[in-house]
Amino acid sequence: MVRSYLTNEGFKVDPVFTGKEAINRFISNSYDLVLLDLMLPEINGMDFLQTLRQNSFVPVIITSAKDGEADKALGLGFGADDYITKPFSMIELLARVKAAIRRSTQYKESTQPEVPAILTIHEIEMDIHNFIVKKNGQEMSLTSKEWNILKLFFENPKKVMTKEQIYHSVWDDHYYGDDHVINVHISRLREKIEDDPTKPEYVKTVWGIGYKLGEFK
């Protein structure tokens, strides 16, 4: 049903039915978006997502009957960009697919030559053109959302970013006051870039407002 609907809307859809098949297909083909069911045979959706995120920033939308906060947080923490709970309408799915692809396209367009090739703050270096992040020379693996959040702070080093500004800039969508998604991604980003995530130096919390990049001498 999903394949038929999206095909009628002009998308080319390549369905696979096991996690192992999905990994093999992704290695040999290029895709603009992944719709991921968590309950896959052979290799489950979470394991596939972790494998995918080792080498790709492609947008991932999880479609799952699991609607608990822990499941959503886990999926987003592992690198998904969005999470839609079954049953869902085809109209809502289409809107989310278009939004995810639009954000990904704008993300790629934002890395044109006029943007500095290398952004460096203290021990972290971001290679904008090649999507590489290093800390003390060691490459780190970030999801597309984590990359965009960190890039936003690096491009605005002295500015306090409200959660509304972060959500609008990174998710390209209206912010309705639900900060759970932002908090999950900030937490996961800190786990990767901070020496001590409980005492963050790079992404500082400004209580009651949002976040800012830490200041280094």
N, C-alpha and C. Protein backbone atom coordinates (compact mmCIF):
# COMPACT_ATOMS: atom_id res chain seq x y z
N MET A 1 0.83 -1.20 0.00
CA MET A 1 0.00 0.00 0.00
C MET A 1 0.87 1.26 0.00
N VAL A 2 1.92 1.26 0.83
CA VAL A 2 2.83 2.41 0.88
C VAL A 2 3.53 2.58 -0.46
N ARG A 3 4.03 1.48 -1.01
CA ARG A 3 4.72 1.55 -2.30
C ARG A 3 3.79 2.08 -3.38
N SER A 4 2.57 1.58 -3.44
CA SER A 4 1.62 1.99 -4.46
C SER A 4 1.30 3.47 -4.34
N TYR A 5 1.07 3.94 -3.10
CA TYR A 5 0.70 5.34 -2.89
C TYR A 5 1.85 6.27 -3.27
N LEU A 6 3.05 5.97 -2.79
CA LEU A 6 4.18 6.84 -3.07
C LEU A 6 4.57 6.81 -4.55
N THR A 7 4.42 5.65 -5.17
CA THR A 7 4.69 5.56 -6.61
C THR A 7 3.74 6.44 -7.39
N ASN A 8 2.47 6.44 -7.00
CA ASN A 8 1.48 7.30 -7.66
C ASN A 8 1.77 8.78 -7.45
N GLU A 9 2.51 9.09 -6.37
CA GLU A 9 2.87 10.48 -6.10
C GLU A 9 4.18 10.88 -6.78
N GLY A 10 4.75 9.96 -7.58
CA GLY A 10 5.93 10.30 -8.37
C GLY A 10 7.25 9.82 -7.82
N PHE A 11 7.23 9.05 -6.73
CA PHE A 11 8.47 8.54 -6.14
C PHE A 11 8.80 7.17 -6.72
N LYS A 12 10.08 6.87 -6.81
CA LYS A 12 10.53 5.54 -7.17
C LYS A 12 10.81 4.79 -5.87
N VAL A 13 10.10 3.70 -5.63
CA VAL A 13 10.17 2.99 -4.36
C VAL A 13 10.79 1.62 -4.59
N ASP A 14 11.75 1.27 -3.75
CA ASP A 14 12.47 0.01 -3.85
C ASP A 14 12.25 -0.78 -2.56
N PRO A 15 11.24 -1.65 -2.51
CA PRO A 15 10.92 -2.34 -1.26
C PRO A 15 11.83 -3.54 -1.01
N VAL A 16 12.21 -3.73 0.25
CA VAL A 16 12.95 -4.92 0.69
C VAL A 16 12.26 -5.44 1.95
N PHE A 17 12.50 -6.71 2.28
CA PHE A 17 11.68 -7.34 3.30
C PHE A 17 12.46 -7.94 4.46
N THR A 18 13.79 -7.83 4.43
CA THR A 18 14.60 -8.28 5.56
C THR A 18 15.70 -7.24 5.80
N GLY A 19 16.20 -7.21 7.04
CA GLY A 19 17.26 -6.27 7.36
C GLY A 19 18.53 -6.55 6.58
N LYS A 20 18.85 -7.83 6.39
CA LYS A 20 20.06 -8.19 5.65
C LYS A 20 19.96 -7.76 4.20
N GLU A 21 18.79 -7.96 3.61
CA GLU A 21 18.57 -7.55 2.22
C GLU A 21 18.67 -6.03 2.09
N ALA A 22 18.18 -5.32 3.10
CA ALA A 22 18.22 -3.86 3.07
C ALA A 22 19.66 -3.36 3.07
N ILE A 23 20.52 -3.96 3.90
CA ILE A 23 21.92 -3.55 3.94
C ILE A 23 22.60 -3.80 2.59
N ASN A 24 22.37 -4.98 2.02
CA ASN A 24 22.98 -5.30 0.73
C ASN A 24 22.48 -4.37 -0.37
N ARG A 25 21.19 -4.06 -0.35
CA ARG A 25 20.63 -3.18 -1.37
C ARG A 25 21.20 -1.77 -1.24
N PHE A 26 21.38 -1.32 0.01
CA PHE A 26 21.87 0.03 0.23
C PHE A 26 23.33 0.17 -0.19
N ILE A 27 24.09 -0.90 -0.07
CA ILE A 27 25.50 -0.86 -0.47
C ILE A 27 25.64 -0.63 -1.96
N SER A 28 24.73 -1.21 -2.74
CA SER A 28 24.86 -1.17 -4.20
C SER A 28 24.00 -0.12 -4.87
N ASN A 29 23.22 0.64 -4.11
CA ASN A 29 22.33 1.66 -4.70
C ASN A 29 22.37 2.94 -3.88
N SER A 30 21.89 4.02 -4.51
CA SER A 30 21.82 5.32 -3.85
C SER A 30 20.36 5.67 -3.62
N TYR A 31 20.05 6.12 -2.42
CA TYR A 31 18.67 6.45 -2.07
C TYR A 31 18.58 7.84 -1.43
N ASP A 32 17.41 8.47 -1.57
CA ASP A 32 17.17 9.79 -0.98
C ASP A 32 16.49 9.69 0.38
N LEU A 33 15.91 8.53 0.70
CA LEU A 33 15.17 8.39 1.95
C LEU A 33 14.99 6.91 2.26
N VAL A 34 14.97 6.58 3.56
CA VAL A 34 14.68 5.22 4.00
C VAL A 34 13.45 5.24 4.90
N LEU A 35 12.43 4.44 4.55
CA LEU A 35 11.30 4.18 5.42
C LEU A 35 11.59 2.86 6.11
N LEU A 36 11.72 2.89 7.42
CA LEU A 36 12.24 1.73 8.15
C LEU A 36 11.25 1.16 9.15
N ASP A 37 10.87 -0.09 8.94
CA ASP A 37 10.08 -0.81 9.93
C ASP A 37 11.05 -1.46 10.92
N LEU A 38 10.74 -1.42 12.19
CA LEU A 38 11.63 -1.97 13.21
C LEU A 38 11.58 -3.49 13.28
N MET A 39 10.42 -4.08 12.96
CA MET A 39 10.25 -5.52 13.12
C MET A 39 10.62 -6.24 11.83
N LEU A 40 11.93 -6.28 11.55
CA LEU A 40 12.44 -6.94 10.35
C LEU A 40 13.08 -8.27 10.72
N PRO A 41 12.95 -9.28 9.86
CA PRO A 41 13.64 -10.55 10.10
C PRO A 41 15.12 -10.47 9.77
N GLU A 42 15.88 -11.40 10.27
CA GLU A 42 17.32 -11.56 10.07
C GLU A 42 18.13 -10.48 10.80
N ILE A 43 17.94 -9.23 10.41
CA ILE A 43 18.56 -8.10 11.10
C ILE A 43 17.45 -7.10 11.39
N ASN A 44 17.21 -6.78 12.67
CA ASN A 44 16.08 -5.91 12.98
C ASN A 44 16.36 -4.45 12.58
N GLY A 45 15.31 -3.64 12.67
CA GLY A 45 15.41 -2.27 12.21
C GLY A 45 16.44 -1.43 12.94
N MET A 46 16.57 -1.61 14.25
CA MET A 46 17.54 -0.83 15.02
C MET A 46 18.97 -1.18 14.62
N ASP A 47 19.23 -2.47 14.42
CA ASP A 47 20.58 -2.88 14.02
C ASP A 47 20.90 -2.38 12.61
N PHE A 48 19.91 -2.42 11.73
CA PHE A 48 20.11 -1.89 10.38
C PHE A 48 20.43 -0.39 10.45
N LEU A 49 19.69 0.33 11.29
CA LEU A 49 19.88 1.77 11.42
C LEU A 49 21.29 2.09 11.91
N GLN A 50 21.76 1.36 12.90
CA GLN A 50 23.12 1.57 13.41
C GLN A 50 24.17 1.31 12.32
N THR A 51 23.96 0.26 11.56
CA THR A 51 24.88 -0.05 10.46
C THR A 51 24.85 1.04 9.41
N LEU A 52 23.66 1.48 9.07
CA LEU A 52 23.50 2.53 8.05
C LEU A 52 24.21 3.81 8.46
N ARG A 53 24.07 4.18 9.72
CA ARG A 53 24.61 5.46 10.18
C ARG A 53 26.14 5.47 10.28
N GLN A 54 26.76 4.35 10.11
CA GLN A 54 28.23 4.32 10.10
C GLN A 54 28.78 4.97 8.83
N ASN A 55 27.96 5.00 7.77
CA ASN A 55 28.46 5.49 6.49
C ASN A 55 27.54 6.45 5.76
N SER A 56 26.35 6.73 6.27
CA SER A 56 25.40 7.51 5.49
C SER A 56 24.60 8.49 6.34
N PHE A 57 24.31 9.67 5.75
CA PHE A 57 23.46 10.68 6.37
C PHE A 57 22.05 10.64 5.80
N VAL A 58 21.72 9.65 4.97
CA VAL A 58 20.41 9.62 4.31
C VAL A 58 19.30 9.73 5.35
N PRO A 59 18.25 10.52 5.08
CA PRO A 59 17.14 10.63 6.04
C PRO A 59 16.45 9.29 6.27
N VAL A 60 16.11 9.03 7.53
CA VAL A 60 15.43 7.78 7.90
C VAL A 60 14.16 8.12 8.68
N ILE A 61 13.04 7.59 8.21
CA ILE A 61 11.77 7.71 8.93
C ILE A 61 11.38 6.32 9.41
N ILE A 62 11.26 6.15 10.71
CA ILE A 62 10.83 4.88 11.28
C ILE A 62 9.31 4.80 11.22
N THR A 63 8.79 3.66 10.75
CA THR A 63 7.36 3.39 10.80
C THR A 63 7.17 2.17 11.68
N SER A 64 6.46 2.34 12.78
CA SER A 64 6.39 1.25 13.75
C SER A 64 5.09 1.27 14.54
N ALA A 65 4.65 0.08 14.94
CA ALA A 65 3.49 -0.03 15.81
C ALA A 65 3.84 0.28 17.25
N LYS A 66 5.15 0.33 17.56
CA LYS A 66 5.60 0.67 18.91
C LYS A 66 5.52 2.17 19.10
N ASP A 67 4.65 2.62 19.99
CA ASP A 67 4.43 4.05 20.14
C ASP A 67 4.87 4.60 21.50
N GLY A 68 5.62 3.80 22.26
CA GLY A 68 6.08 4.26 23.56
C GLY A 68 7.18 5.30 23.44
N GLU A 69 7.30 6.15 24.45
CA GLU A 69 8.33 7.19 24.44
C GLU A 69 9.73 6.58 24.38
N ALA A 70 9.93 5.45 25.06
CA ALA A 70 11.25 4.82 25.07
C ALA A 70 11.63 4.33 23.68
N ASP A 71 10.65 3.76 22.96
CA ASP A 71 10.93 3.28 21.60
C ASP A 71 11.26 4.43 20.67
N LYS A 72 10.50 5.52 20.79
CA LYS A 72 10.76 6.68 19.95
C LYS A 72 12.12 7.29 20.27
N ALA A 73 12.42 7.42 21.54
CA ALA A 73 13.71 7.99 21.95
C ALA A 73 14.86 7.12 21.47
N LEU A 74 14.67 5.80 21.54
CA LEU A 74 15.72 4.88 21.11
C LEU A 74 15.95 5.01 19.61
N GLY A 75 14.87 5.06 18.84
CA GLY A 75 15.00 5.20 17.39
C GLY A 75 15.66 6.50 16.99
N LEU A 76 15.25 7.60 17.61
CA LEU A 76 15.86 8.90 17.31
C LEU A 76 17.30 8.92 17.77
N GLY A 77 17.57 8.29 18.92
CA GLY A 77 18.94 8.26 19.43
C GLY A 77 19.88 7.46 18.55
N PHE A 78 19.36 6.45 17.88
CA PHE A 78 20.18 5.64 17.00
C PHE A 78 20.39 6.29 15.64
N GLY A 79 19.70 7.42 15.39
CA GLY A 79 19.98 8.15 14.15
C GLY A 79 18.81 8.37 13.23
N ALA A 80 17.60 7.98 13.63
CA ALA A 80 16.43 8.26 12.78
C ALA A 80 16.13 9.75 12.80
N ASP A 81 15.55 10.24 11.71
CA ASP A 81 15.20 11.65 11.61
C ASP A 81 13.75 11.91 12.00
N ASP A 82 12.91 10.88 11.89
CA ASP A 82 11.49 11.04 12.21
C ASP A 82 10.94 9.69 12.61
N TYR A 83 9.77 9.69 13.24
CA TYR A 83 9.16 8.46 13.76
C TYR A 83 7.65 8.61 13.60
N ILE A 84 7.04 7.70 12.84
CA ILE A 84 5.60 7.75 12.64
C ILE A 84 5.00 6.43 13.11
N THR A 85 3.94 6.52 13.91
CA THR A 85 3.36 5.35 14.56
C THR A 85 2.22 4.77 13.72
N LYS A 86 2.23 3.45 13.57
CA LYS A 86 1.13 2.76 12.90
C LYS A 86 -0.08 2.68 13.84
N PRO A 87 -1.30 2.75 13.29
CA PRO A 87 -1.61 3.02 11.88
C PRO A 87 -1.47 4.51 11.59
N PHE A 88 -1.08 4.84 10.36
CA PHE A 88 -0.94 6.23 9.97
C PHE A 88 -1.63 6.44 8.62
N SER A 89 -1.99 7.67 8.34
CA SER A 89 -2.63 7.97 7.06
C SER A 89 -1.57 8.15 5.98
N MET A 90 -1.91 7.83 4.75
CA MET A 90 -0.99 8.02 3.64
C MET A 90 -0.69 9.50 3.43
N ILE A 91 -1.65 10.36 3.75
CA ILE A 91 -1.44 11.80 3.59
C ILE A 91 -0.36 12.28 4.56
N GLU A 92 -0.42 11.80 5.81
CA GLU A 92 0.59 12.19 6.79
C GLU A 92 1.96 11.64 6.39
N LEU A 93 2.00 10.39 5.94
CA LEU A 93 3.27 9.80 5.52
C LEU A 93 3.87 10.58 4.37
N LEU A 94 3.06 10.94 3.37
CA LEU A 94 3.55 11.70 2.23
C LEU A 94 4.13 13.03 2.68
N ALA A 95 3.45 13.72 3.61
CA ALA A 95 3.93 15.01 4.09
C ALA A 95 5.29 14.86 4.78
N ARG A 96 5.44 13.80 5.57
CA ARG A 96 6.71 13.59 6.27
C ARG A 96 7.83 13.20 5.31
N VAL A 97 7.51 12.41 4.31
CA VAL A 97 8.51 12.04 3.30
C VAL A 97 8.99 13.27 2.56
N LYS A 98 8.07 14.10 2.12
CA LYS A 98 8.44 15.31 1.38
C LYS A 98 9.26 16.25 2.26
N ALA A 99 8.87 16.38 3.53
CA ALA A 99 9.60 17.27 4.44
C ALA A 99 11.02 16.77 4.68
N ALA A 100 11.17 15.45 4.86
CA ALA A 100 12.50 14.88 5.11
C ALA A 100 13.41 15.06 3.91
N ILE A 101 12.88 14.83 2.72
CA ILE A 101 13.69 15.00 1.52
C ILE A 101 14.02 16.47 1.29
N ARG A 102 13.06 17.36 1.58
CA ARG A 102 13.31 18.79 1.43
C ARG A 102 14.41 19.25 2.38
N ARG A 103 14.36 18.79 3.63
CA ARG A 103 15.40 19.17 4.59
C ARG A 103 16.76 18.65 4.16
N SER A 104 16.79 17.41 3.66
CA SER A 104 18.05 16.82 3.22
C SER A 104 18.62 17.58 2.03
N THR A 105 17.76 17.99 1.11
CA THR A 105 18.21 18.75 -0.06
C THR A 105 18.76 20.10 0.35
N GLN A 106 18.07 20.78 1.26
CA GLN A 106 18.54 22.09 1.74
C GLN A 106 19.85 21.93 2.49
N TYR A 107 19.98 20.82 3.22
CA TYR A 107 21.21 20.54 3.96
C TYR A 107 22.39 20.42 3.01
N LYS A 108 22.20 19.72 1.88
CA LYS A 108 23.26 19.58 0.90
C LYS A 108 23.57 20.92 0.24
N GLU A 109 22.51 21.71 -0.06
CA GLU A 109 22.72 23.00 -0.71
C GLU A 109 23.43 23.98 0.20
N SER A 110 23.31 23.76 1.53
CA SER A 110 23.93 24.69 2.47
C SER A 110 25.44 24.54 2.52
N THR A 111 25.97 23.50 1.87
CA THR A 111 27.40 23.26 1.91
C THR A 111 28.06 23.61 0.59
N GLN A 112 27.72 24.75 0.02
CA GLN A 112 28.32 25.22 -1.22
C GLN A 112 29.64 25.92 -0.90
N PRO A 113 30.47 26.20 -1.93
CA PRO A 113 31.81 26.76 -1.72
C PRO A 113 31.86 28.04 -0.92
N GLU A 114 30.75 28.85 -0.91
CA GLU A 114 30.83 30.11 -0.19
C GLU A 114 30.90 29.90 1.33
N VAL A 115 30.53 28.72 1.79
CA VAL A 115 30.62 28.40 3.22
C VAL A 115 32.06 27.97 3.52
N PRO A 116 32.66 28.46 4.60
CA PRO A 116 34.03 28.03 4.93
C PRO A 116 34.14 26.51 4.93
N ALA A 117 35.22 26.02 4.33
CA ALA A 117 35.37 24.57 4.20
C ALA A 117 35.57 23.89 5.54
N ILE A 118 36.26 24.56 6.45
CA ILE A 118 36.56 23.97 7.76
C ILE A 118 36.10 24.91 8.87
N LEU A 119 35.31 24.38 9.80
CA LEU A 119 34.91 25.12 10.99
C LEU A 119 35.60 24.47 12.18
N THR A 120 36.32 25.26 12.96
CA THR A 120 37.08 24.70 14.08
C THR A 120 36.76 25.45 15.37
N ILE A 121 36.38 24.71 16.39
CA ILE A 121 36.17 25.24 17.73
C ILE A 121 36.91 24.35 18.71
N HIS A 122 37.94 24.92 19.36
CA HIS A 122 38.73 24.18 20.35
C HIS A 122 39.27 22.88 19.73
N GLU A 123 38.85 21.72 20.21
CA GLU A 123 39.42 20.46 19.76
C GLU A 123 38.63 19.82 18.61
N ILE A 124 37.51 20.45 18.22
CA ILE A 124 36.64 19.85 17.20
C ILE A 124 36.78 20.59 15.87
N GLU A 125 36.86 19.82 14.81
CA GLU A 125 36.98 20.37 13.46
C GLU A 125 35.89 19.76 12.58
N MET A 126 35.14 20.63 11.88
CA MET A 126 34.09 20.18 10.97
C MET A 126 34.50 20.48 9.54
N ASP A 127 34.61 19.44 8.74
CA ASP A 127 34.86 19.59 7.31
C ASP A 127 33.51 19.64 6.62
N ILE A 128 33.06 20.86 6.29
CA ILE A 128 31.71 21.07 5.80
C ILE A 128 31.47 20.37 4.46
N HIS A 129 32.45 20.42 3.58
CA HIS A 129 32.26 19.87 2.24
C HIS A 129 32.25 18.35 2.21
N ASN A 130 33.00 17.74 3.10
CA ASN A 130 33.11 16.28 3.11
C ASN A 130 32.35 15.62 4.25
N PHE A 131 31.62 16.42 5.05
CA PHE A 131 30.78 15.91 6.14
C PHE A 131 31.58 15.06 7.12
N ILE A 132 32.73 15.58 7.52
CA ILE A 132 33.60 14.87 8.45
C ILE A 132 33.78 15.72 9.71
N VAL A 133 33.64 15.09 10.86
CA VAL A 133 33.86 15.75 12.14
C VAL A 133 34.98 15.02 12.87
N LYS A 134 35.97 15.78 13.34
CA LYS A 134 37.07 15.19 14.07
C LYS A 134 37.28 15.91 15.40
N LYS A 135 37.65 15.14 16.40
CA LYS A 135 38.04 15.71 17.68
C LYS A 135 39.44 15.21 17.99
N ASN A 136 40.35 16.13 18.15
CA ASN A 136 41.76 15.78 18.36
C ASN A 136 42.27 14.84 17.26
N GLY A 137 41.79 15.08 16.04
CA GLY A 137 42.23 14.29 14.90
C GLY A 137 41.52 12.98 14.71
N GLN A 138 40.65 12.60 15.65
CA GLN A 138 39.92 11.34 15.56
C GLN A 138 38.52 11.59 14.99
N GLU A 139 38.20 10.89 13.90
CA GLU A 139 36.91 11.09 13.25
C GLU A 139 35.77 10.55 14.11
N MET A 140 34.66 11.29 14.16
CA MET A 140 33.48 10.89 14.92
C MET A 140 32.32 10.65 13.97
N SER A 141 31.44 9.74 14.34
CA SER A 141 30.28 9.41 13.53
C SER A 141 29.04 10.10 14.09
N LEU A 142 28.51 11.09 13.34
CA LEU A 142 27.31 11.81 13.75
C LEU A 142 26.17 11.50 12.79
N THR A 143 24.94 11.54 13.30
CA THR A 143 23.77 11.44 12.44
C THR A 143 23.58 12.77 11.72
N SER A 144 22.70 12.79 10.74
CA SER A 144 22.47 14.04 10.01
C SER A 144 21.93 15.13 10.92
N LYS A 145 21.06 14.78 11.85
CA LYS A 145 20.51 15.78 12.77
C LYS A 145 21.59 16.28 13.72
N GLU A 146 22.40 15.38 14.24
CA GLU A 146 23.49 15.79 15.13
C GLU A 146 24.47 16.69 14.38
N TRP A 147 24.77 16.34 13.14
CA TRP A 147 25.65 17.17 12.31
C TRP A 147 25.06 18.58 12.15
N ASN A 148 23.78 18.65 11.80
CA ASN A 148 23.14 19.95 11.57
C ASN A 148 23.09 20.80 12.84
N ILE A 149 22.83 20.15 13.99
CA ILE A 149 22.79 20.88 15.25
C ILE A 149 24.17 21.45 15.57
N LEU A 150 25.20 20.61 15.45
CA LEU A 150 26.57 21.06 15.75
C LEU A 150 26.99 22.16 14.78
N LYS A 151 26.67 22.00 13.52
CA LYS A 151 27.01 23.01 12.51
C LYS A 151 26.31 24.34 12.82
N LEU A 152 25.06 24.26 13.27
CA LEU A 152 24.32 25.46 13.64
C LEU A 152 25.03 26.23 14.74
N PHE A 153 25.52 25.51 15.76
CA PHE A 153 26.25 26.16 16.84
C PHE A 153 27.60 26.70 16.37
N PHE A 154 28.29 25.95 15.54
CA PHE A 154 29.59 26.39 15.05
C PHE A 154 29.47 27.64 14.18
N GLU A 155 28.39 27.75 13.46
CA GLU A 155 28.18 28.93 12.61
C GLU A 155 27.66 30.13 13.39
N ASN A 156 27.19 29.88 14.62
CA ASN A 156 26.68 30.96 15.48
C ASN A 156 27.32 30.83 16.87
N PRO A 157 28.65 30.99 16.95
CA PRO A 157 29.38 30.66 18.18
C PRO A 157 29.04 31.51 19.39
N LYS A 158 28.55 32.71 19.19
CA LYS A 158 28.28 33.60 20.33
C LYS A 158 26.79 33.82 20.55
N LYS A 159 25.97 33.05 19.87
CA LYS A 159 24.53 33.26 19.92
C LYS A 159 23.84 32.17 20.73
N VAL A 160 22.92 32.58 21.60
CA VAL A 160 22.08 31.62 22.32
C VAL A 160 20.94 31.22 21.38
N MET A 161 20.84 29.92 21.12
CA MET A 161 19.80 29.42 20.22
C MET A 161 18.63 28.88 21.03
N THR A 162 17.43 29.44 20.80
CA THR A 162 16.26 28.91 21.48
C THR A 162 15.89 27.55 20.87
N LYS A 163 15.10 26.79 21.60
CA LYS A 163 14.68 25.50 21.07
C LYS A 163 13.84 25.69 19.81
N GLU A 164 13.08 26.75 19.76
CA GLU A 164 12.30 27.04 18.56
C GLU A 164 13.21 27.29 17.36
N GLN A 165 14.28 28.06 17.57
CA GLN A 165 15.23 28.33 16.48
C GLN A 165 15.95 27.06 16.03
N ILE A 166 16.33 26.23 16.99
CA ILE A 166 17.00 24.97 16.65
C ILE A 166 16.07 24.08 15.84
N TYR A 167 14.84 23.93 16.30
CA TYR A 167 13.90 23.06 15.61
C TYR A 167 13.61 23.57 14.21
N HIS A 168 13.41 24.87 14.09
CA HIS A 168 13.10 25.45 12.78
C HIS A 168 14.28 25.29 11.82
N SER A 169 15.50 25.49 12.34
CA SER A 169 16.69 25.43 11.49
C SER A 169 17.03 23.99 11.09
N VAL A 170 16.92 23.06 12.03
CA VAL A 170 17.36 21.69 11.79
C VAL A 170 16.25 20.82 11.20
N TRP A 171 15.03 20.97 11.71
CA TRP A 171 13.91 20.16 11.23
C TRP A 171 13.09 20.86 10.15
N ASP A 172 13.34 22.15 9.94
CA ASP A 172 12.62 22.93 8.93
C ASP A 172 11.11 22.77 9.09
N ASP A 173 10.64 22.94 10.33
CA ASP A 173 9.23 22.74 10.61
C ASP A 173 8.82 23.67 11.75
N HIS A 174 7.52 23.80 11.95
CA HIS A 174 7.04 24.63 13.05
C HIS A 174 7.28 23.94 14.39
N TYR A 175 7.58 24.73 15.41
CA TYR A 175 7.84 24.20 16.75
C TYR A 175 6.59 24.42 17.60
N TYR A 176 6.09 23.32 18.20
CA TYR A 176 4.86 23.39 18.98
C TYR A 176 5.09 23.21 20.48
N GLY A 177 6.33 23.39 20.89
CA GLY A 177 6.62 23.36 22.32
C GLY A 177 7.02 22.00 22.86
N ASP A 178 7.00 20.95 22.03
CA ASP A 178 7.41 19.63 22.48
C ASP A 178 8.92 19.51 22.27
N ASP A 179 9.68 19.64 23.36
CA ASP A 179 11.14 19.68 23.23
C ASP A 179 11.79 18.31 23.40
N HIS A 180 10.99 17.24 23.45
CA HIS A 180 11.55 15.90 23.67
C HIS A 180 12.53 15.51 22.57
N VAL A 181 12.16 15.74 21.32
CA VAL A 181 13.01 15.36 20.19
C VAL A 181 14.33 16.12 20.25
N ILE A 182 14.27 17.42 20.52
CA ILE A 182 15.49 18.23 20.60
C ILE A 182 16.38 17.72 21.74
N ASN A 183 15.79 17.48 22.89
CA ASN A 183 16.57 17.02 24.04
C ASN A 183 17.28 15.70 23.77
N VAL A 184 16.59 14.79 23.08
CA VAL A 184 17.20 13.49 22.76
C VAL A 184 18.42 13.69 21.86
N HIS A 185 18.29 14.51 20.82
CA HIS A 185 19.39 14.71 19.89
C HIS A 185 20.55 15.46 20.53
N ILE A 186 20.25 16.44 21.38
CA ILE A 186 21.31 17.16 22.09
C ILE A 186 22.06 16.20 23.01
N SER A 187 21.31 15.35 23.71
CA SER A 187 21.92 14.39 24.62
C SER A 187 22.84 13.43 23.88
N ARG A 188 22.38 12.91 22.73
CA ARG A 188 23.19 11.99 21.95
C ARG A 188 24.43 12.68 21.38
N LEU A 189 24.27 13.94 20.97
CA LEU A 189 25.40 14.71 20.45
C LEU A 189 26.45 14.90 21.53
N ARG A 190 26.01 15.23 22.73
CA ARG A 190 26.94 15.42 23.84
C ARG A 190 27.70 14.14 24.16
N GLU A 191 27.02 13.00 24.09
CA GLU A 191 27.69 11.74 24.37
C GLU A 191 28.85 11.49 23.41
N LYS A 192 28.75 12.06 22.22
CA LYS A 192 29.78 11.81 21.20
C LYS A 192 30.91 12.84 21.23
N ILE A 193 30.59 14.11 21.58
CA ILE A 193 31.60 15.16 21.43
C ILE A 193 32.19 15.64 22.75
N GLU A 194 31.51 15.39 23.86
CA GLU A 194 31.98 15.91 25.14
C GLU A 194 32.91 14.91 25.84
N ASP A 195 33.90 15.42 26.54
CA ASP A 195 34.74 14.55 27.38
C ASP A 195 33.91 13.96 28.51
N ASP A 196 33.03 14.79 29.09
CA ASP A 196 32.12 14.36 30.15
C ASP A 196 30.73 14.91 29.82
N PRO A 197 29.84 14.08 29.24
CA PRO A 197 28.51 14.57 28.84
C PRO A 197 27.71 15.18 29.98
N THR A 198 28.01 14.80 31.23
CA THR A 198 27.28 15.38 32.36
C THR A 198 27.77 16.78 32.69
N LYS A 199 28.94 17.15 32.15
CA LYS A 199 29.48 18.50 32.34
C LYS A 199 29.91 19.03 30.96
N PRO A 200 28.92 19.31 30.10
CA PRO A 200 29.23 19.68 28.72
C PRO A 200 30.00 20.99 28.61
N GLU A 201 30.99 21.01 27.72
CA GLU A 201 31.77 22.21 27.45
C GLU A 201 31.43 22.81 26.09
N TYR A 202 31.00 21.96 25.15
CA TYR A 202 30.71 22.46 23.80
C TYR A 202 29.26 22.94 23.66
N VAL A 203 28.30 22.11 24.02
CA VAL A 203 26.89 22.49 23.92
C VAL A 203 26.39 22.77 25.33
N LYS A 204 26.30 24.06 25.67
CA LYS A 204 25.92 24.47 27.01
C LYS A 204 24.42 24.76 27.08
N THR A 205 23.79 24.38 28.18
CA THR A 205 22.38 24.68 28.40
C THR A 205 22.22 26.08 28.97
N VAL A 206 21.33 26.85 28.36
CA VAL A 206 20.95 28.16 28.90
C VAL A 206 19.54 27.97 29.45
N TRP A 207 19.44 27.79 30.75
CA TRP A 207 18.17 27.38 31.36
C TRP A 207 17.04 28.35 31.04
N GLY A 208 15.93 27.77 30.62
CA GLY A 208 14.74 28.55 30.31
C GLY A 208 14.76 29.17 28.93
N ILE A 209 15.87 29.01 28.20
CA ILE A 209 15.96 29.62 26.87
C ILE A 209 16.29 28.59 25.80
N GLY A 210 17.45 27.93 25.94
CA GLY A 210 17.87 26.98 24.91
C GLY A 210 19.28 26.52 25.13
N TYR A 211 20.11 26.66 24.11
CA TYR A 211 21.49 26.18 24.17
C TYR A 211 22.43 27.17 23.48
N LYS A 212 23.70 27.06 23.80
CA LYS A 212 24.72 27.88 23.15
C LYS A 212 26.03 27.10 23.08
N LEU A 213 26.91 27.56 22.21
CA LEU A 213 28.22 26.94 22.11
C LEU A 213 29.09 27.46 23.25
N GLY A 214 29.83 26.56 23.88
CA GLY A 214 30.71 26.97 24.96
C GLY A 214 31.84 27.86 24.46
N GLU A 215 32.39 28.65 25.36
CA GLU A 215 33.49 29.56 25.01
C GLU A 215 34.80 28.96 25.48
N PHE A 216 35.78 29.02 24.57
CA PHE A 216 37.09 28.46 24.87
C PHE A 216 38.15 29.54 24.70
N LYS A 217 39.18 29.50 25.55
CA LYS A 217 40.26 30.47 25.45
C LYS A 217 41.24 30.06 24.35
